[in-house]
């Protein structure tokens, strides 16, 4: 193999990006997802407790719960599609059902 053939082969193998960069991007996305989920879950819990104690809250806990559940459902449907693990499917379906119930309650309350 001459220099040009090696370079062309290397370019064709790396046309979709460097493996290290892909791994870093995936790790960053996972960390961001986890952080966002903890924020929504924390806000939902704090808001729920605040509303139970004082009768009012700085934010509607149902909105935070809905955001958490939508993210949770998205994560588990992705896992189910890639692994065909039934538990992920059940978690997805449960999350969607609860999300629809919360959304319906929010709409009817408004």
PDB file of N, CA and C in Angstrom:
ATOM      1  N   UNK A   1       0.834  -1.184   0.000  1.00  0.00           N
ATOM      2  CA  UNK A   1       0.000   0.000   0.000  1.00  0.00           C
ATOM      3  C   UNK A   1       0.879   1.248   0.000  1.00  0.00           C
ATOM      4  N   UNK A   2       0.490   2.164  -0.822  1.00  0.00           N
ATOM      5  CA  UNK A   2       1.243   3.413  -0.816  1.00  0.00           C
ATOM      6  C   UNK A   2       0.564   4.415   0.120  1.00  0.00           C
ATOM      7  N   UNK A   3       1.177   5.545   0.243  1.00  0.00           N
ATOM      8  CA  UNK A   3       0.716   6.569   1.183  1.00  0.00           C
ATOM      9  C   UNK A   3      -0.714   7.023   0.885  1.00  0.00           C
ATOM     10  N   UNK A   4      -1.043   7.238  -0.373  1.00  0.00           N
ATOM     11  CA  UNK A   4      -2.386   7.699  -0.758  1.00  0.00           C
ATOM     12  C   UNK A   4      -3.455   6.666  -0.421  1.00  0.00           C
ATOM     13  N   UNK A   5      -3.162   5.398  -0.662  1.00  0.00           N
ATOM     14  CA  UNK A   5      -4.135   4.350  -0.351  1.00  0.00           C
ATOM     15  C   UNK A   5      -4.405   4.291   1.153  1.00  0.00           C
ATOM     16  N   UNK A   6      -3.350   4.416   1.941  1.00  0.00           N
ATOM     17  CA  UNK A   6      -3.501   4.395   3.399  1.00  0.00           C
ATOM     18  C   UNK A   6      -4.325   5.592   3.869  1.00  0.00           C
ATOM     19  N   UNK A   7      -4.035   6.771   3.326  1.00  0.00           N
ATOM     20  CA  UNK A   7      -4.787   7.970   3.701  1.00  0.00           C
ATOM     21  C   UNK A   7      -6.258   7.859   3.303  1.00  0.00           C
ATOM     22  N   UNK A   8      -6.517   7.362   2.111  1.00  0.00           N
ATOM     23  CA  UNK A   8      -7.903   7.194   1.659  1.00  0.00           C
ATOM     24  C   UNK A   8      -8.653   6.195   2.528  1.00  0.00           C
ATOM     25  N   UNK A   9      -7.981   5.109   2.885  1.00  0.00           N
ATOM     26  CA  UNK A   9      -8.607   4.106   3.742  1.00  0.00           C
ATOM     27  C   UNK A   9      -8.914   4.701   5.119  1.00  0.00           C
ATOM     28  N   UNK A  10      -7.973   5.455   5.654  1.00  0.00           N
ATOM     29  CA  UNK A  10      -8.161   6.088   6.958  1.00  0.00           C
ATOM     30  C   UNK A  10      -9.304   7.094   6.916  1.00  0.00           C
ATOM     31  N   UNK A  11      -9.383   7.873   5.859  1.00  0.00           N
ATOM     32  CA  UNK A  11     -10.468   8.853   5.720  1.00  0.00           C
ATOM     33  C   UNK A  11     -11.830   8.169   5.630  1.00  0.00           C
ATOM     34  N   UNK A  12     -11.890   7.081   4.883  1.00  0.00           N
ATOM     35  CA  UNK A  12     -13.171   6.387   4.739  1.00  0.00           C
ATOM     36  C   UNK A  12     -13.595   5.746   6.056  1.00  0.00           C
ATOM     37  N   UNK A  13     -12.639   5.257   6.848  1.00  0.00           N
ATOM     38  CA  UNK A  13     -12.972   4.664   8.139  1.00  0.00           C
ATOM     39  C   UNK A  13     -13.423   5.717   9.145  1.00  0.00           C
ATOM     40  N   UNK A  14     -12.892   6.919   9.029  1.00  0.00           N
ATOM     41  CA  UNK A  14     -13.195   7.978   9.988  1.00  0.00           C
ATOM     42  C   UNK A  14     -14.189   9.010   9.463  1.00  0.00           C
ATOM     43  N   UNK A  15     -14.893   8.695   8.381  1.00  0.00           N
ATOM     44  CA  UNK A  15     -15.803   9.686   7.802  1.00  0.00           C
ATOM     45  C   UNK A  15     -16.960  10.031   8.740  1.00  0.00           C
ATOM     46  N   UNK A  16     -17.314   9.121   9.634  1.00  0.00           N
ATOM     47  CA  UNK A  16     -18.399   9.390  10.583  1.00  0.00           C
ATOM     48  C   UNK A  16     -17.895   9.953  11.904  1.00  0.00           C
ATOM     49  N   UNK A  17     -16.639  10.281  11.985  1.00  0.00           N
ATOM     50  CA  UNK A  17     -16.093  10.877  13.199  1.00  0.00           C
ATOM     51  C   UNK A  17     -15.187   9.933  13.956  1.00  0.00           C
ATOM     52  N   UNK A  18     -14.399  10.525  14.805  1.00  0.00           N
ATOM     53  CA  UNK A  18     -13.458   9.789  15.625  1.00  0.00           C
ATOM     54  C   UNK A  18     -14.212   9.039  16.727  1.00  0.00           C
ATOM     55  N   UNK A  19     -13.790   7.816  17.022  1.00  0.00           N
ATOM     56  CA  UNK A  19     -14.450   7.006  18.043  1.00  0.00           C
ATOM     57  C   UNK A  19     -14.366   7.658  19.423  1.00  0.00           C
ATOM     58  N   UNK A  20     -13.243   8.267  19.729  1.00  0.00           N
ATOM     59  CA  UNK A  20     -13.079   8.934  21.026  1.00  0.00           C
ATOM     60  C   UNK A  20     -14.057  10.098  21.148  1.00  0.00           C
ATOM     61  N   UNK A  21     -14.190  10.882  20.092  1.00  0.00           N
ATOM     62  CA  UNK A  21     -15.121  12.004  20.113  1.00  0.00           C
ATOM     63  C   UNK A  21     -16.560  11.519  20.270  1.00  0.00           C
ATOM     64  N   UNK A  22     -16.897  10.427  19.602  1.00  0.00           N
ATOM     65  CA  UNK A  22     -18.242   9.864  19.734  1.00  0.00           C
ATOM     66  C   UNK A  22     -18.497   9.410  21.166  1.00  0.00           C
ATOM     67  N   UNK A  23     -17.512   8.740  21.757  1.00  0.00           N
ATOM     68  CA  UNK A  23     -17.657   8.260  23.130  1.00  0.00           C
ATOM     69  C   UNK A  23     -17.803   9.427  24.102  1.00  0.00           C
ATOM     70  N   UNK A  24     -17.021  10.487  23.899  1.00  0.00           N
ATOM     71  CA  UNK A  24     -17.123  11.667  24.760  1.00  0.00           C
ATOM     72  C   UNK A  24     -18.485  12.335  24.618  1.00  0.00           C
ATOM     73  N   UNK A  25     -18.962  12.440  23.400  1.00  0.00           N
ATOM     74  CA  UNK A  25     -20.275  13.048  23.155  1.00  0.00           C
ATOM     75  C   UNK A  25     -21.379  12.226  23.816  1.00  0.00           C
ATOM     76  N   UNK A  26     -21.280  10.911  23.709  1.00  0.00           N
ATOM     77  CA  UNK A  26     -22.277  10.045  24.325  1.00  0.00           C
ATOM     78  C   UNK A  26     -22.243  10.183  25.847  1.00  0.00           C
ATOM     79  N   UNK A  27     -21.051  10.212  26.413  1.00  0.00           N
ATOM     80  CA  UNK A  27     -20.906  10.360  27.868  1.00  0.00           C
ATOM     81  C   UNK A  27     -21.465  11.713  28.330  1.00  0.00           C
ATOM     82  N   UNK A  28     -21.176  12.770  27.581  1.00  0.00           N
ATOM     83  CA  UNK A  28     -21.684  14.096  27.927  1.00  0.00           C
ATOM     84  C   UNK A  28     -23.210  14.126  27.870  1.00  0.00           C
ATOM     85  N   UNK A  29     -23.778  13.499  26.863  1.00  0.00           N
ATOM     86  CA  UNK A  29     -25.240  13.444  26.742  1.00  0.00           C
ATOM     87  C   UNK A  29     -25.858  12.671  27.903  1.00  0.00           C
ATOM     88  N   UNK A  30     -25.226  11.566  28.286  1.00  0.00           N
ATOM     89  CA  UNK A  30     -25.727  10.789  29.417  1.00  0.00           C
ATOM     90  C   UNK A  30     -25.675  11.596  30.709  1.00  0.00           C
ATOM     91  N   UNK A  31     -24.568  12.285  30.928  1.00  0.00           N
ATOM     92  CA  UNK A  31     -24.436  13.099  32.139  1.00  0.00           C
ATOM     93  C   UNK A  31     -25.454  14.238  32.158  1.00  0.00           C
ATOM     94  N   UNK A  32     -25.677  14.867  31.009  1.00  0.00           N
ATOM     95  CA  UNK A  32     -26.660  15.947  30.925  1.00  0.00           C
ATOM     96  C   UNK A  32     -28.067  15.412  31.202  1.00  0.00           C
ATOM     97  N   UNK A  33     -28.384  14.260  30.643  1.00  0.00           N
ATOM     98  CA  UNK A  33     -29.689  13.639  30.873  1.00  0.00           C
ATOM     99  C   UNK A  33     -29.897  13.372  32.362  1.00  0.00           C
ATOM    100  N   UNK A  34     -28.898  12.792  32.999  1.00  0.00           N
ATOM    101  CA  UNK A  34     -29.003  12.472  34.423  1.00  0.00           C
ATOM    102  C   UNK A  34     -29.193  13.743  35.242  1.00  0.00           C
ATOM    103  N   UNK A  35     -28.433  14.774  34.932  1.00  0.00           N
ATOM    104  CA  UNK A  35     -28.549  16.037  35.668  1.00  0.00           C
ATOM    105  C   UNK A  35     -29.940  16.643  35.507  1.00  0.00           C
ATOM    106  N   UNK A  36     -30.440  16.671  34.286  1.00  0.00           N
ATOM    107  CA  UNK A  36     -31.767  17.236  34.027  1.00  0.00           C
ATOM    108  C   UNK A  36     -32.850  16.433  34.743  1.00  0.00           C
ATOM    109  N   UNK A  37     -32.727  15.117  34.718  1.00  0.00           N
ATOM    110  CA  UNK A  37     -33.722  14.279  35.382  1.00  0.00           C
ATOM    111  C   UNK A  37     -33.720  14.513  36.893  1.00  0.00           C
ATOM    112  N   UNK A  38     -32.540  14.646  37.489  1.00  0.00           N
ATOM    113  CA  UNK A  38     -32.476  14.918  38.927  1.00  0.00           C
ATOM    114  C   UNK A  38     -33.067  16.284  39.265  1.00  0.00           C
ATOM    115  N   UNK A  39     -32.838  17.267  38.423  1.00  0.00           N
ATOM    116  CA  UNK A  39     -33.409  18.596  38.665  1.00  0.00           C
ATOM    117  C   UNK A  39     -34.936  18.530  38.625  1.00  0.00           C
ATOM    118  N   UNK A  40     -35.496  17.907  37.594  1.00  0.00           N
ATOM    119  CA  UNK A  40     -36.959  17.811  37.500  1.00  0.00           C
ATOM    120  C   UNK A  40     -37.541  16.987  38.645  1.00  0.00           C
ATOM    121  N   UNK A  41     -36.883  15.889  38.978  1.00  0.00           N
ATOM    122  CA  UNK A  41     -37.372  15.061  40.078  1.00  0.00           C
ATOM    123  C   UNK A  41     -37.289  15.824  41.398  1.00  0.00           C
ATOM    124  N   UNK A  42     -36.178  16.508  41.619  1.00  0.00           N
ATOM    125  CA  UNK A  42     -36.026  17.303  42.840  1.00  0.00           C
ATOM    126  C   UNK A  42     -37.057  18.408  42.935  1.00  0.00           C
ATOM    127  N   UNK A  43     -37.272  19.125  41.839  1.00  0.00           N
ATOM    128  CA  UNK A  43     -38.285  20.186  41.836  1.00  0.00           C
ATOM    129  C   UNK A  43     -39.681  19.628  42.093  1.00  0.00           C
ATOM    130  N   UNK A  44     -39.973  18.476  41.512  1.00  0.00           N
ATOM    131  CA  UNK A  44     -41.290  17.866  41.718  1.00  0.00           C
ATOM    132  C   UNK A  44     -41.486  17.494  43.180  1.00  0.00           C
ATOM    133  N   UNK A  45     -40.471  16.903  43.797  1.00  0.00           N
ATOM    134  CA  UNK A  45     -40.580  16.493  45.201  1.00  0.00           C
ATOM    135  C   UNK A  45     -40.697  17.711  46.116  1.00  0.00           C
ATOM    136  N   UNK A  46     -39.815  18.690  45.926  1.00  0.00           N
ATOM    137  CA  UNK A  46     -39.857  19.903  46.753  1.00  0.00           C
ATOM    138  C   UNK A  46     -41.195  20.617  46.596  1.00  0.00           C
ATOM    139  N   UNK A  47     -41.659  20.736  45.377  1.00  0.00           N
ATOM    140  CA  UNK A  47     -42.925  21.416  45.109  1.00  0.00           C
ATOM    141  C   UNK A  47     -44.101  20.671  45.735  1.00  0.00           C
ATOM    142  N   UNK A  48     -44.089  19.349  45.634  1.00  0.00           N
ATOM    143  CA  UNK A  48     -45.158  18.536  46.217  1.00  0.00           C
ATOM    144  C   UNK A  48     -45.195  18.714  47.732  1.00  0.00           C
ATOM    145  N   UNK A  49     -44.030  18.648  48.369  1.00  0.00           N
ATOM    146  CA  UNK A  49     -43.961  18.817  49.823  1.00  0.00           C
ATOM    147  C   UNK A  49     -44.393  20.226  50.223  1.00  0.00           C
ATOM    148  N   UNK A  50     -43.917  21.218  49.491  1.00  0.00           N
ATOM    149  CA  UNK A  50     -44.277  22.606  49.791  1.00  0.00           C
ATOM    150  C   UNK A  50     -45.785  22.812  49.666  1.00  0.00           C
ATOM    151  N   UNK A  51     -46.386  22.246  48.625  1.00  0.00           N
ATOM    152  CA  UNK A  51     -47.832  22.389  48.441  1.00  0.00           C
ATOM    153  C   UNK A  51     -48.596  21.653  49.534  1.00  0.00           C
ATOM    154  N   UNK A  52     -48.097  20.503  49.958  1.00  0.00           N
ATOM    155  CA  UNK A  52     -48.766  19.746  51.018  1.00  0.00           C
ATOM    156  C   UNK A  52     -48.712  20.484  52.355  1.00  0.00           C
ATOM    157  N   UNK A  53     -47.608  21.170  52.622  1.00  0.00           N
ATOM    158  CA  UNK A  53     -47.445  21.860  53.903  1.00  0.00           C
ATOM    159  C   UNK A  53     -48.124  23.229  53.904  1.00  0.00           C
ATOM    160  N   UNK A  54     -47.886  24.021  52.869  1.00  0.00           N
ATOM    161  CA  UNK A  54     -48.370  25.409  52.859  1.00  0.00           C
ATOM    162  C   UNK A  54     -49.646  25.615  52.050  1.00  0.00           C
ATOM    163  N   UNK A  55     -49.997  24.676  51.211  1.00  0.00           N
ATOM    164  CA  UNK A  55     -51.175  24.829  50.363  1.00  0.00           C
ATOM    165  C   UNK A  55     -50.877  25.502  49.039  1.00  0.00           C
ATOM    166  N   UNK A  56     -49.649  25.978  48.859  1.00  0.00           N
ATOM    167  CA  UNK A  56     -49.240  26.619  47.600  1.00  0.00           C
ATOM    168  C   UNK A  56     -47.786  26.243  47.328  1.00  0.00           C
ATOM    169  N   UNK A  57     -47.406  26.385  46.077  1.00  0.00           N
ATOM    170  CA  UNK A  57     -46.042  26.029  45.697  1.00  0.00           C
ATOM    171  C   UNK A  57     -45.515  27.032  44.690  1.00  0.00           C
ATOM    172  N   UNK A  58     -44.193  27.133  44.609  1.00  0.00           N
ATOM    173  CA  UNK A  58     -43.584  28.068  43.663  1.00  0.00           C
ATOM    174  C   UNK A  58     -43.699  27.582  42.224  1.00  0.00           C
ATOM    175  N   UNK A  59     -43.958  26.300  42.034  1.00  0.00           N
ATOM    176  CA  UNK A  59     -44.147  25.728  40.700  1.00  0.00           C
ATOM    177  C   UNK A  59     -45.064  24.524  40.845  1.00  0.00           C
ATOM    178  N   UNK A  60     -45.811  24.225  39.821  1.00  0.00           N
ATOM    179  CA  UNK A  60     -46.712  23.077  39.863  1.00  0.00           C
ATOM    180  C   UNK A  60     -45.892  21.794  39.752  1.00  0.00           C
ATOM    181  N   UNK A  61     -45.963  20.962  40.781  1.00  0.00           N
ATOM    182  CA  UNK A  61     -45.177  19.727  40.787  1.00  0.00           C
ATOM    183  C   UNK A  61     -45.564  18.799  39.640  1.00  0.00           C
ATOM    184  N   UNK A  62     -46.782  18.925  39.143  1.00  0.00           N
ATOM    185  CA  UNK A  62     -47.221  18.057  38.057  1.00  0.00           C
ATOM    186  C   UNK A  62     -46.449  18.334  36.766  1.00  0.00           C
ATOM    187  N   UNK A  63     -46.100  19.591  36.536  1.00  0.00           N
ATOM    188  CA  UNK A  63     -45.330  19.935  35.336  1.00  0.00           C
ATOM    189  C   UNK A  63     -43.938  19.326  35.414  1.00  0.00           C
ATOM    190  N   UNK A  64     -43.311  19.424  36.588  1.00  0.00           N
ATOM    191  CA  UNK A  64     -41.985  18.817  36.764  1.00  0.00           C
ATOM    192  C   UNK A  64     -42.071  17.300  36.640  1.00  0.00           C
ATOM    193  N   UNK A  65     -43.118  16.721  37.208  1.00  0.00           N
ATOM    194  CA  UNK A  65     -43.308  15.275  37.110  1.00  0.00           C
ATOM    195  C   UNK A  65     -43.501  14.852  35.661  1.00  0.00           C
ATOM    196  N   UNK A  66     -44.270  15.636  34.927  1.00  0.00           N
ATOM    197  CA  UNK A  66     -44.502  15.338  33.515  1.00  0.00           C
ATOM    198  C   UNK A  66     -43.198  15.381  32.723  1.00  0.00           C
ATOM    199  N   UNK A  67     -42.395  16.411  32.954  1.00  0.00           N
ATOM    200  CA  UNK A  67     -41.107  16.516  32.258  1.00  0.00           C
ATOM    201  C   UNK A  67     -40.209  15.332  32.608  1.00  0.00           C
ATOM    202  N   UNK A  68     -40.185  14.948  33.878  1.00  0.00           N
ATOM    203  CA  UNK A  68     -39.385  13.800  34.305  1.00  0.00           C
ATOM    204  C   UNK A  68     -39.855  12.526  33.614  1.00  0.00           C
ATOM    205  N   UNK A  69     -41.158  12.302  33.607  1.00  0.00           N
ATOM    206  CA  UNK A  69     -41.703  11.070  33.032  1.00  0.00           C
ATOM    207  C   UNK A  69     -41.502  10.986  31.520  1.00  0.00           C
ATOM    208  N   UNK A  70     -41.600  12.107  30.830  1.00  0.00           N
ATOM    209  CA  UNK A  70     -41.372  12.098  29.377  1.00  0.00           C
ATOM    210  C   UNK A  70     -39.922  11.716  29.080  1.00  0.00           C
ATOM    211  N   UNK A  71     -38.982  12.281  29.820  1.00  0.00           N
ATOM    212  CA  UNK A  71     -37.580  11.905  29.656  1.00  0.00           C
ATOM    213  C   UNK A  71     -37.336  10.449  30.003  1.00  0.00           C
ATOM    214  N   UNK A  72     -37.970   9.994  31.076  1.00  0.00           N
ATOM    215  CA  UNK A  72     -37.852   8.608  31.523  1.00  0.00           C
ATOM    216  C   UNK A  72     -38.396   7.661  30.453  1.00  0.00           C
ATOM    217  N   UNK A  73     -39.544   8.016  29.878  1.00  0.00           N
ATOM    218  CA  UNK A  73     -40.144   7.193  28.827  1.00  0.00           C
ATOM    219  C   UNK A  73     -39.247   7.141  27.595  1.00  0.00           C
ATOM    220  N   UNK A  74     -38.692   8.278  27.211  1.00  0.00           N
ATOM    221  CA  UNK A  74     -37.796   8.309  26.053  1.00  0.00           C
ATOM    222  C   UNK A  74     -36.574   7.438  26.237  1.00  0.00           C
ATOM    223  N   UNK A  75     -36.023   7.461  27.436  1.00  0.00           N
ATOM    224  CA  UNK A  75     -34.847   6.632  27.724  1.00  0.00           C
ATOM    225  C   UNK A  75     -35.196   5.146  27.626  1.00  0.00           C
ATOM    226  N   UNK A  76     -36.328   4.762  28.205  1.00  0.00           N
ATOM    227  CA  UNK A  76     -36.666   3.339  28.246  1.00  0.00           C
ATOM    228  C   UNK A  76     -37.161   2.802  26.907  1.00  0.00           C
ATOM    229  N   UNK A  77     -37.794   3.618  26.083  1.00  0.00           N
ATOM    230  CA  UNK A  77     -38.167   3.112  24.758  1.00  0.00           C
ATOM    231  C   UNK A  77     -36.916   2.911  23.910  1.00  0.00           C
ATOM    232  N   UNK A  78     -35.917   3.771  24.106  1.00  0.00           N
ATOM    233  CA  UNK A  78     -34.650   3.594  23.392  1.00  0.00           C
ATOM    234  C   UNK A  78     -33.986   2.291  23.812  1.00  0.00           C
ATOM    235  N   UNK A  79     -33.968   2.024  25.126  1.00  0.00           N
ATOM    236  CA  UNK A  79     -33.387   0.770  25.606  1.00  0.00           C
ATOM    237  C   UNK A  79     -34.166  -0.426  25.066  1.00  0.00           C
ATOM    238  N   UNK A  80     -35.500  -0.334  25.057  1.00  0.00           N
ATOM    239  CA  UNK A  80     -36.301  -1.451  24.565  1.00  0.00           C
ATOM    240  C   UNK A  80     -36.035  -1.715  23.083  1.00  0.00           C
ATOM    241  N   UNK A  81     -35.986  -0.670  22.289  1.00  0.00           N
ATOM    242  CA  UNK A  81     -35.747  -0.837  20.850  1.00  0.00           C
ATOM    243  C   UNK A  81     -34.413  -1.528  20.598  1.00  0.00           C
ATOM    244  N   UNK A  82     -33.405  -1.194  21.398  1.00  0.00           N
ATOM    245  CA  UNK A  82     -32.072  -1.743  21.170  1.00  0.00           C
ATOM    246  C   UNK A  82     -31.816  -3.076  21.855  1.00  0.00           C
ATOM    247  N   UNK A  83     -32.536  -3.382  22.949  1.00  0.00           N
ATOM    248  CA  UNK A  83     -32.259  -4.623  23.682  1.00  0.00           C
ATOM    249  C   UNK A  83     -33.423  -5.608  23.681  1.00  0.00           C
ATOM    250  N   UNK A  84     -34.609  -5.151  23.351  1.00  0.00           N
ATOM    251  CA  UNK A  84     -35.841  -5.956  23.393  1.00  0.00           C
ATOM    252  C   UNK A  84     -36.128  -6.497  24.795  1.00  0.00           C
ATOM    253  N   UNK A  85     -35.638  -5.805  25.824  1.00  0.00           N
ATOM    254  CA  UNK A  85     -35.893  -6.178  27.213  1.00  0.00           C
ATOM    255  C   UNK A  85     -37.301  -5.721  27.586  1.00  0.00           C
ATOM    256  N   UNK A  86     -38.148  -6.664  27.971  1.00  0.00           N
ATOM    257  CA  UNK A  86     -39.560  -6.367  28.248  1.00  0.00           C
ATOM    258  C   UNK A  86     -39.739  -5.384  29.406  1.00  0.00           C
ATOM    259  N   UNK A  87     -38.847  -5.412  30.390  1.00  0.00           N
ATOM    260  CA  UNK A  87     -38.960  -4.491  31.517  1.00  0.00           C
ATOM    261  C   UNK A  87     -38.924  -3.041  31.039  1.00  0.00           C
ATOM    262  N   UNK A  88     -38.054  -2.742  30.078  1.00  0.00           N
ATOM    263  CA  UNK A  88     -37.988  -1.386  29.529  1.00  0.00           C
ATOM    264  C   UNK A  88     -39.285  -1.012  28.823  1.00  0.00           C
ATOM    265  N   UNK A  89     -39.902  -1.965  28.154  1.00  0.00           N
ATOM    266  CA  UNK A  89     -41.188  -1.709  27.503  1.00  0.00           C
ATOM    267  C   UNK A  89     -42.263  -1.407  28.541  1.00  0.00           C
ATOM    268  N   UNK A  90     -42.302  -2.185  29.622  1.00  0.00           N
ATOM    269  CA  UNK A  90     -43.295  -1.962  30.670  1.00  0.00           C
ATOM    270  C   UNK A  90     -43.103  -0.600  31.340  1.00  0.00           C
ATOM    271  N   UNK A  91     -41.852  -0.242  31.591  1.00  0.00           N
ATOM    272  CA  UNK A  91     -41.568   1.065  32.191  1.00  0.00           C
ATOM    273  C   UNK A  91     -41.997   2.181  31.241  1.00  0.00           C
ATOM    274  N   UNK A  92     -41.726   2.006  29.949  1.00  0.00           N
ATOM    275  CA  UNK A  92     -42.137   2.998  28.955  1.00  0.00           C
ATOM    276  C   UNK A  92     -43.654   3.161  28.950  1.00  0.00           C
ATOM    277  N   UNK A  93     -44.377   2.058  28.868  1.00  0.00           N
ATOM    278  CA  UNK A  93     -45.841   2.117  28.815  1.00  0.00           C
ATOM    279  C   UNK A  93     -46.396   2.753  30.089  1.00  0.00           C
ATOM    280  N   UNK A  94     -45.865   2.361  31.243  1.00  0.00           N
ATOM    281  CA  UNK A  94     -46.307   2.955  32.505  1.00  0.00           C
ATOM    282  C   UNK A  94     -46.049   4.449  32.555  1.00  0.00           C
ATOM    283  N   UNK A  95     -44.878   4.861  32.092  1.00  0.00           N
ATOM    284  CA  UNK A  95     -44.533   6.288  32.080  1.00  0.00           C
ATOM    285  C   UNK A  95     -45.458   7.072  31.158  1.00  0.00           C
ATOM    286  N   UNK A  96     -45.779   6.504  30.013  1.00  0.00           N
ATOM    287  CA  UNK A  96     -46.673   7.179  29.067  1.00  0.00           C
ATOM    288  C   UNK A  96     -48.082   7.296  29.649  1.00  0.00           C
ATOM    289  N   UNK A  97     -48.560   6.232  30.276  1.00  0.00           N
ATOM    290  CA  UNK A  97     -49.905   6.267  30.866  1.00  0.00           C
ATOM    291  C   UNK A  97     -49.984   7.329  31.963  1.00  0.00           C
ATOM    292  N   UNK A  98     -48.994   7.345  32.844  1.00  0.00           N
ATOM    293  CA  UNK A  98     -48.989   8.341  33.920  1.00  0.00           C
ATOM    294  C   UNK A  98     -48.840   9.746  33.344  1.00  0.00           C
ATOM    295  N   UNK A  99     -48.024   9.900  32.299  1.00  0.00           N
ATOM    296  CA  UNK A  99     -47.860  11.210  31.657  1.00  0.00           C
ATOM    297  C   UNK A  99     -49.172  11.705  31.073  1.00  0.00           C
ATOM    298  N   UNK A 100     -49.912  10.817  30.442  1.00  0.00           N
ATOM    299  CA  UNK A 100     -51.214  11.192  29.871  1.00  0.00           C
ATOM    300  C   UNK A 100     -52.184  11.589  30.980  1.00  0.00           C
ATOM    301  N   UNK A 101     -52.154  10.857  32.093  1.00  0.00           N
ATOM    302  CA  UNK A 101     -53.026  11.197  33.220  1.00  0.00           C
ATOM    303  C   UNK A 101     -52.683  12.580  33.783  1.00  0.00           C
ATOM    304  N   UNK A 102     -51.398  12.864  33.942  1.00  0.00           N
ATOM    305  CA  UNK A 102     -50.976  14.171  34.459  1.00  0.00           C
ATOM    306  C   UNK A 102     -51.356  15.274  33.483  1.00  0.00           C
ATOM    307  N   UNK A 103     -51.102  15.044  32.200  1.00  0.00           N
ATOM    308  CA  UNK A 103     -51.428  16.046  31.188  1.00  0.00           C
ATOM    309  C   UNK A 103     -52.929  16.318  31.152  1.00  0.00           C
ATOM    310  N   UNK A 104     -53.730  15.273  31.233  1.00  0.00           N
ATOM    311  CA  UNK A 104     -55.187  15.435  31.256  1.00  0.00           C
ATOM    312  C   UNK A 104     -55.615  16.246  32.478  1.00  0.00           C
ATOM    313  N   UNK A 105     -55.028  15.929  33.615  1.00  0.00           N
ATOM    314  CA  UNK A 105     -55.360  16.662  34.845  1.00  0.00           C
ATOM    315  C   UNK A 105     -54.967  18.134  34.734  1.00  0.00           C
ATOM    316  N   UNK A 106     -53.804  18.401  34.151  1.00  0.00           N
ATOM    317  CA  UNK A 106     -53.367  19.788  33.973  1.00  0.00           C
ATOM    318  C   UNK A 106     -54.304  20.557  33.043  1.00  0.00           C
ATOM    319  N   UNK A 107     -54.736  19.909  31.967  1.00  0.00           N
ATOM    320  CA  UNK A 107     -55.628  20.564  31.004  1.00  0.00           C
ATOM    321  C   UNK A 107     -56.994  20.836  31.634  1.00  0.00           C
ATOM    322  N   UNK A 108     -57.521  19.862  32.357  1.00  0.00           N
ATOM    323  CA  UNK A 108     -58.838  20.035  32.976  1.00  0.00           C
ATOM    324  C   UNK A 108     -58.802  21.041  34.119  1.00  0.00           C
ATOM    325  N   UNK A 109     -57.654  21.178  34.769  1.00  0.00           N
ATOM    326  CA  UNK A 109     -57.508  22.122  35.879  1.00  0.00           C
ATOM    327  C   UNK A 109     -57.447  23.562  35.385  1.00  0.00           C
ATOM    328  N   UNK A 110     -56.967  23.755  34.166  1.00  0.00           N
ATOM    329  CA  UNK A 110     -56.770  25.113  33.633  1.00  0.00           C
ATOM    330  C   UNK A 110     -58.030  25.777  33.255  1.00  0.00           C
TER     331      UNK A 110
END
